[in-house]
C-alpha atoms as a PDB file:
ATOM      1  CA  MET A   1     -33.628  36.088-143.968  1.00  0.00           C
ATOM      2  CA  GLY A   2     -34.611  39.265-145.779  1.00  0.00           C
ATOM      3  CA  GLU A   3     -31.783  40.662-147.900  1.00  0.00           C
ATOM      4  CA  ASN A   4     -34.137  43.350-149.162  1.00  0.00           C
ATOM      5  CA  ILE A   5     -34.310  44.882-145.702  1.00  0.00           C
ATOM      6  CA  PRO A   6     -30.594  45.791-145.314  1.00  0.00           C
ATOM      7  CA  PHE A   7     -30.438  46.824-148.976  1.00  0.00           C
ATOM      8  CA  PHE A   8     -33.376  49.218-148.663  1.00  0.00           C
ATOM      9  CA  SER A   9     -32.119  50.436-145.303  1.00  0.00           C
ATOM     10  CA  ARG A  10     -28.739  51.143-146.876  1.00  0.00           C
ATOM     11  CA  ILE A  11     -30.366  53.201-149.624  1.00  0.00           C
ATOM     12  CA  VAL A  12     -32.374  55.182-147.075  1.00  0.00           C
ATOM     13  CA  ALA A  13     -29.279  55.792-144.942  1.00  0.00           C
ATOM     14  CA  VAL A  14     -27.275  57.020-147.939  1.00  0.00           C
ATOM     15  CA  SER A  15     -30.145  59.186-149.147  1.00  0.00           C
ATOM     16  CA  ASP A  16     -30.618  60.721-145.706  1.00  0.00           C
ATOM     17  CA  ALA A  17     -26.895  61.371-145.287  1.00  0.00           C
ATOM     18  CA  TYR A  18     -26.631  62.871-148.788  1.00  0.00           C
ATOM     19  CA  ASP A  19     -29.673  65.065-148.199  1.00  0.00           C
ATOM     20  CA  ALA A  20     -28.262  66.265-144.881  1.00  0.00           C
ATOM     21  CA  MET A  21     -24.899  67.065-146.481  1.00  0.00           C
ATOM     22  CA  THR A  22     -26.408  68.831-149.483  1.00  0.00           C
ATOM     23  CA  SER A  23     -28.938  70.683-147.336  1.00  0.00           C
ATOM     24  CA  GLU A  24     -26.815  71.423-144.296  1.00  0.00           C
ATOM     25  CA  ARG A  25     -28.568  74.726-143.581  1.00  0.00           C
ATOM     26  CA  SER A  26     -31.952  73.006-143.850  1.00  0.00           C
ATOM     27  CA  TYR A  27     -30.742  70.192-141.621  1.00  0.00           C
ATOM     28  CA  ARG A  28     -30.241  72.580-138.697  1.00  0.00           C
END
């Protein structure tokens, strides 16, 4: 019922988390 949704969402979540970790100072 839409496997592309969770897959894309997972990529976005990982990308956001990685960006936040790599740019901690920019995050806050």
